[in-house]
Amino acid sequence: VLGVLPCPVTPLGEVLRFSTIPSVSNYVILPAPDFESLTTSFSICAWVKPRHTGSSSSVWISYQVGSSRDDEIVISSFGSYDDLFNSNLGSSESLLEKDVWSHYCTTWQFATTTRTIYVNGEEKKTGSTTSGRTLNKDGVLVLGQRQGSRGGGFSTTYSFGGDLYELNIFDKMLSAEDVAGMFNKGRCGSLDPSLLQNVSFQWTDFMDARRNGDVEVKRGTCSQWNLVRSVIDEDLLEHLIEQHSFNQ
């Protein structure tokens, strides 16, 4: 017999909240990140909650090396941008819902030239990069803006509005199982111990970075249903959620 499960809301950790009013002043910057370990493979994963801002692209992370727009790395939440080395792999399949938390990962490996986009644990798009092309290591990393030039050249067209949480950059191409595991643990979950040695940049690195403009640190919350999803049948879970709601 199924009982009604409690559904406590617990502290999530610190979330970066970018204003929904588009502005080139709102961003987080790492002016000299050490990308030495990422030149031949990397994975970027984060929980992203974009909000409606009027911005057509909403770029939440960019990495720029040159003085002109060469798009070493550019990822948007709903503008179909997932640029690597000036090559876009983004599509309608990789768009994120507004006002909803989504888990996003992009992965790449020099040896195979393979790059893959995952949304909520599912592979959405796979492509390849030019053979022999590695990631340049002397760039600037910015959250919340697309860089038209190294460390600047921002435009409100690309300004991100919404929340970011648990952004991690790994020094290897994560497997589909790695990515699915992160998503299934939910925002309440912790990173698998087997991946810790591959983390080049963790969430605290971005929380400690310089913030500009209307970018706030907020204390987030999450429902324990996020944890339950990884260990219980989906149909059964939906039944429990409905029963819990009915009894409120």
Protein backbone atom coordinates (compact mmCIF):
# COMPACT_ATOMS: atom_id res chain seq x y z
CA VAL A 1 0.00 0.00 0.00
CA LEU A 2 1.38 3.34 -0.98
CA GLY A 3 1.49 6.06 1.60
CA VAL A 4 1.81 9.76 1.12
CA LEU A 5 5.49 10.70 1.04
CA PRO A 6 6.61 13.94 2.65
CA CYS A 7 8.20 16.35 0.21
CA PRO A 8 10.48 18.65 2.20
CA VAL A 9 12.11 21.65 0.61
CA THR A 10 15.78 21.91 1.54
CA PRO A 11 18.55 24.48 1.06
CA LEU A 12 20.12 24.14 -2.36
CA GLY A 13 23.22 26.26 -2.06
CA GLU A 14 24.19 29.57 -3.59
CA VAL A 15 22.69 30.46 -6.96
CA LEU A 16 23.85 33.22 -9.29
CA ARG A 17 20.87 35.33 -10.36
CA PHE A 18 21.25 37.61 -13.38
CA SER A 19 18.75 40.45 -13.79
CA THR A 20 15.98 39.97 -16.34
CA ILE A 21 16.54 43.53 -17.55
CA PRO A 22 19.09 43.14 -20.39
CA SER A 23 22.27 45.07 -19.70
CA VAL A 24 25.90 44.83 -20.80
CA SER A 25 26.84 45.62 -17.19
CA ASN A 26 25.61 42.31 -15.76
CA TYR A 27 28.22 39.58 -15.83
CA VAL A 28 30.73 37.45 -13.93
CA ILE A 29 34.30 37.42 -15.25
CA LEU A 30 37.36 35.21 -14.86
CA PRO A 31 39.99 37.28 -16.71
CA ALA A 32 42.76 34.67 -16.71
CA PRO A 33 41.38 31.15 -16.18
CA ASP A 34 43.92 28.33 -16.36
CA PHE A 35 42.68 26.30 -19.32
CA GLU A 36 45.93 24.35 -19.75
CA SER A 37 44.23 21.04 -18.91
CA LEU A 38 41.30 21.72 -21.26
CA THR A 39 43.06 22.22 -24.58
CA THR A 40 42.36 18.67 -25.86
CA SER A 41 39.13 17.73 -24.09
CA PHE A 42 36.56 19.26 -21.80
CA SER A 43 32.96 19.16 -20.61
CA ILE A 44 30.88 22.08 -19.36
CA CYS A 45 27.83 21.21 -17.25
CA ALA A 46 25.43 23.40 -15.28
CA TRP A 47 21.90 23.82 -14.03
CA VAL A 48 20.36 26.73 -15.93
CA LYS A 49 17.06 28.53 -15.37
CA PRO A 50 16.63 31.18 -18.08
CA ARG A 51 13.98 33.84 -17.68
CA HIS A 52 12.22 35.98 -20.26
CA THR A 53 14.32 39.09 -20.84
CA GLY A 54 13.64 40.17 -24.39
CA SER A 55 17.14 39.04 -25.31
CA SER A 56 17.04 36.86 -28.41
CA SER A 57 19.97 34.63 -27.49
CA SER A 58 20.61 34.76 -23.73
CA VAL A 59 24.26 33.61 -23.63
CA TRP A 60 25.11 32.21 -20.20
CA ILE A 61 28.78 31.40 -20.80
CA SER A 62 31.45 32.52 -23.27
CA TYR A 63 35.19 32.06 -23.61
CA GLN A 64 37.07 34.39 -25.92
CA VAL A 65 40.74 34.54 -26.88
CA GLY A 66 41.11 36.97 -29.79
CA SER A 67 40.40 40.66 -30.19
CA SER A 68 37.49 39.96 -32.55
CA ARG A 69 34.54 37.60 -32.24
CA ASP A 70 36.00 34.15 -32.81
CA ASP A 71 33.59 32.29 -30.50
CA GLU A 72 36.02 29.87 -28.91
CA ILE A 73 33.11 28.83 -26.67
CA VAL A 74 29.60 30.40 -26.63
CA ILE A 75 26.51 28.74 -25.16
CA SER A 76 23.03 30.27 -25.03
CA SER A 77 19.91 29.08 -23.27
CA PHE A 78 17.33 29.65 -26.01
CA GLY A 79 19.11 31.19 -28.96
CA SER A 80 20.30 27.92 -30.54
CA TYR A 81 23.93 28.82 -29.82
CA ASP A 82 26.46 26.19 -28.82
CA ASP A 83 29.54 27.50 -30.57
CA LEU A 84 32.94 25.86 -30.39
CA PHE A 85 35.73 27.18 -32.61
CA ASN A 86 33.21 29.27 -34.58
CA SER A 87 31.12 26.21 -35.36
CA ASN A 88 27.57 26.11 -34.02
CA LEU A 89 26.03 22.81 -32.96
CA GLY A 90 22.98 24.33 -31.26
CA SER A 91 19.51 23.67 -32.60
CA SER A 92 15.87 23.79 -31.55
CA GLU A 93 16.51 20.49 -29.75
CA SER A 94 18.97 22.12 -27.38
CA LEU A 95 16.79 25.09 -26.38
CA LEU A 96 15.98 25.40 -22.68
CA GLU A 97 12.56 26.15 -21.23
CA LYS A 98 12.03 29.54 -19.65
CA ASP A 99 11.46 29.68 -15.88
CA VAL A 100 12.36 26.01 -15.51
CA TRP A 101 15.58 24.45 -14.20
CA SER A 102 17.33 22.41 -16.91
CA HIS A 103 20.58 20.49 -16.79
CA TYR A 104 22.88 21.29 -19.71
CA CYS A 105 26.16 19.67 -20.74
CA THR A 106 28.40 20.17 -23.74
CA THR A 107 31.37 17.86 -24.25
CA TRP A 108 34.33 17.71 -26.65
CA GLN A 109 37.41 15.62 -27.38
CA PHE A 110 40.33 16.52 -29.64
CA ALA A 111 41.35 12.92 -30.44
CA THR A 112 38.01 12.04 -32.00
CA THR A 113 36.95 15.66 -32.87
CA THR A 114 33.60 14.68 -31.33
CA ARG A 115 31.33 17.12 -29.51
CA THR A 116 27.96 16.37 -27.96
CA ILE A 117 25.15 18.39 -26.37
CA TYR A 118 23.00 16.95 -23.59
CA VAL A 119 19.86 18.46 -22.08
CA ASN A 120 18.37 16.89 -18.95
CA GLY A 121 20.53 13.82 -19.29
CA GLU A 122 19.60 13.10 -22.91
CA GLU A 123 21.84 13.43 -25.93
CA LYS A 124 20.42 16.11 -28.24
CA LYS A 125 23.06 16.68 -30.88
CA THR A 126 26.47 15.27 -31.89
CA GLY A 127 28.91 16.79 -34.34
CA SER A 128 32.60 17.15 -35.02
CA THR A 129 35.24 19.86 -34.99
CA THR A 130 38.02 20.53 -37.46
CA SER A 131 40.80 17.97 -37.18
CA GLY A 132 43.87 19.36 -35.44
CA ARG A 133 42.01 22.22 -33.74
CA THR A 134 42.64 22.55 -30.00
CA LEU A 135 41.18 24.93 -27.44
CA ASN A 136 43.25 28.08 -27.02
CA LYS A 137 44.25 28.54 -23.40
CA ASP A 138 44.83 32.29 -22.97
CA GLY A 139 41.27 33.57 -23.04
CA VAL A 140 38.73 35.28 -20.80
CA LEU A 141 35.73 33.44 -19.35
CA VAL A 142 32.49 35.38 -18.87
CA LEU A 143 29.12 34.32 -17.46
CA GLY A 144 26.05 36.19 -18.66
CA GLN A 145 27.38 37.78 -21.86
CA ARG A 146 28.72 36.94 -25.29
CA GLN A 147 32.10 38.55 -25.92
CA GLY A 148 32.49 40.54 -29.12
CA SER A 149 36.13 41.01 -28.19
CA ARG A 150 38.36 39.52 -25.53
CA GLY A 151 36.75 40.38 -22.21
CA GLY A 152 34.29 42.90 -23.66
CA GLY A 153 32.25 43.93 -26.70
CA PHE A 154 29.01 42.93 -24.97
CA SER A 155 25.55 43.44 -26.49
CA THR A 156 22.14 43.31 -24.81
CA THR A 157 21.06 41.04 -27.67
CA TYR A 158 22.99 38.27 -25.97
CA SER A 159 22.61 39.22 -22.28
CA PHE A 160 21.53 36.38 -20.03
CA GLY A 161 18.75 36.76 -17.49
CA GLY A 162 17.99 34.00 -15.01
CA ASP A 163 19.73 31.64 -12.60
CA LEU A 164 22.85 29.49 -12.78
CA TYR A 165 23.84 26.75 -10.38
CA GLU A 166 26.54 24.09 -10.05
CA LEU A 167 28.53 25.04 -13.13
CA ASN A 168 31.48 22.66 -13.40
CA ILE A 169 34.12 22.38 -16.11
CA PHE A 170 35.82 19.02 -16.49
CA ASP A 171 39.11 18.17 -18.18
CA LYS A 172 37.67 15.24 -20.10
CA MET A 173 34.81 14.37 -22.40
CA LEU A 174 32.16 12.99 -20.10
CA SER A 175 30.31 9.85 -21.16
CA ALA A 176 26.57 9.71 -21.70
CA GLU A 177 26.38 7.71 -18.46
CA ASP A 178 28.28 10.42 -16.55
CA VAL A 179 25.92 13.11 -17.78
CA ALA A 180 22.76 11.07 -17.15
CA GLY A 181 24.03 10.33 -13.65
CA MET A 182 24.42 14.03 -12.86
CA PHE A 183 20.93 14.82 -14.11
CA ASN A 184 19.31 11.89 -12.31
CA LYS A 185 20.77 13.02 -8.99
CA GLY A 186 19.00 16.33 -9.48
CA ARG A 187 19.98 19.71 -8.16
CA CYS A 188 19.91 18.30 -4.64
CA GLY A 189 22.53 15.69 -5.53
CA SER A 190 26.30 15.85 -5.31
CA LEU A 191 28.89 15.15 -7.97
CA ASP A 192 29.93 11.52 -8.31
CA PRO A 193 33.24 10.97 -6.48
CA SER A 194 34.71 9.33 -9.59
CA LEU A 195 34.50 12.69 -11.43
CA LEU A 196 36.02 14.90 -8.75
CA GLN A 197 39.58 14.42 -10.03
CA ASN A 198 38.50 15.71 -13.44
CA VAL A 199 37.02 19.00 -12.22
CA SER A 200 39.14 21.91 -13.47
CA PHE A 201 36.67 24.62 -12.41
CA GLN A 202 34.03 24.07 -9.76
CA TRP A 203 31.04 26.13 -8.73
CA THR A 204 32.90 27.90 -5.92
CA ASP A 205 35.41 29.25 -8.47
CA PHE A 206 32.58 31.11 -10.19
CA MET A 207 31.01 32.23 -6.94
CA ASP A 208 34.37 33.74 -5.94
CA ALA A 209 34.89 35.46 -9.31
CA ARG A 210 34.29 39.17 -9.84
CA ARG A 211 30.63 40.07 -10.29
CA ASN A 212 29.50 43.19 -12.13
CA GLY A 213 26.16 44.95 -12.31
CA ASP A 214 22.91 43.33 -11.25
CA VAL A 215 24.14 39.82 -10.52
CA GLU A 216 23.12 38.55 -7.09
CA VAL A 217 23.93 35.55 -4.97
CA LYS A 218 20.74 33.90 -3.79
CA ARG A 219 20.14 31.00 -1.48
CA GLY A 220 18.30 28.41 -3.52
CA THR A 221 15.99 25.57 -2.51
CA CYS A 222 15.02 22.29 -4.09
CA SER A 223 12.41 19.63 -3.50
CA GLN A 224 13.48 16.18 -2.39
CA TRP A 225 11.47 14.82 -5.34
CA ASN A 226 14.63 15.63 -7.30
CA LEU A 227 16.45 12.96 -5.33
CA VAL A 228 13.57 10.49 -5.45
CA ARG A 229 13.49 10.61 -9.26
CA SER A 230 16.82 8.80 -9.50
CA VAL A 231 15.72 5.77 -7.46
CA ILE A 232 12.02 5.27 -8.21
CA ASP A 233 10.01 4.34 -11.27
CA GLU A 234 8.79 7.48 -13.08
CA ASP A 235 5.16 6.36 -13.32
CA LEU A 236 5.09 5.48 -9.63
CA LEU A 237 6.66 8.83 -8.77
CA GLU A 238 4.03 10.75 -10.73
CA HIS A 239 1.33 8.81 -8.90
CA LEU A 240 2.87 9.71 -5.53
CA ILE A 241 3.17 13.36 -6.48
CA GLU A 242 -0.48 13.49 -7.54
CA GLN A 243 -1.53 11.75 -4.32
CA HIS A 244 0.58 14.13 -2.25
CA SER A 245 -0.94 17.16 -3.98
CA PHE A 246 -4.48 15.82 -3.53
CA ASN A 247 -3.95 15.44 0.20
CA GLN A 248 -2.66 18.98 0.76
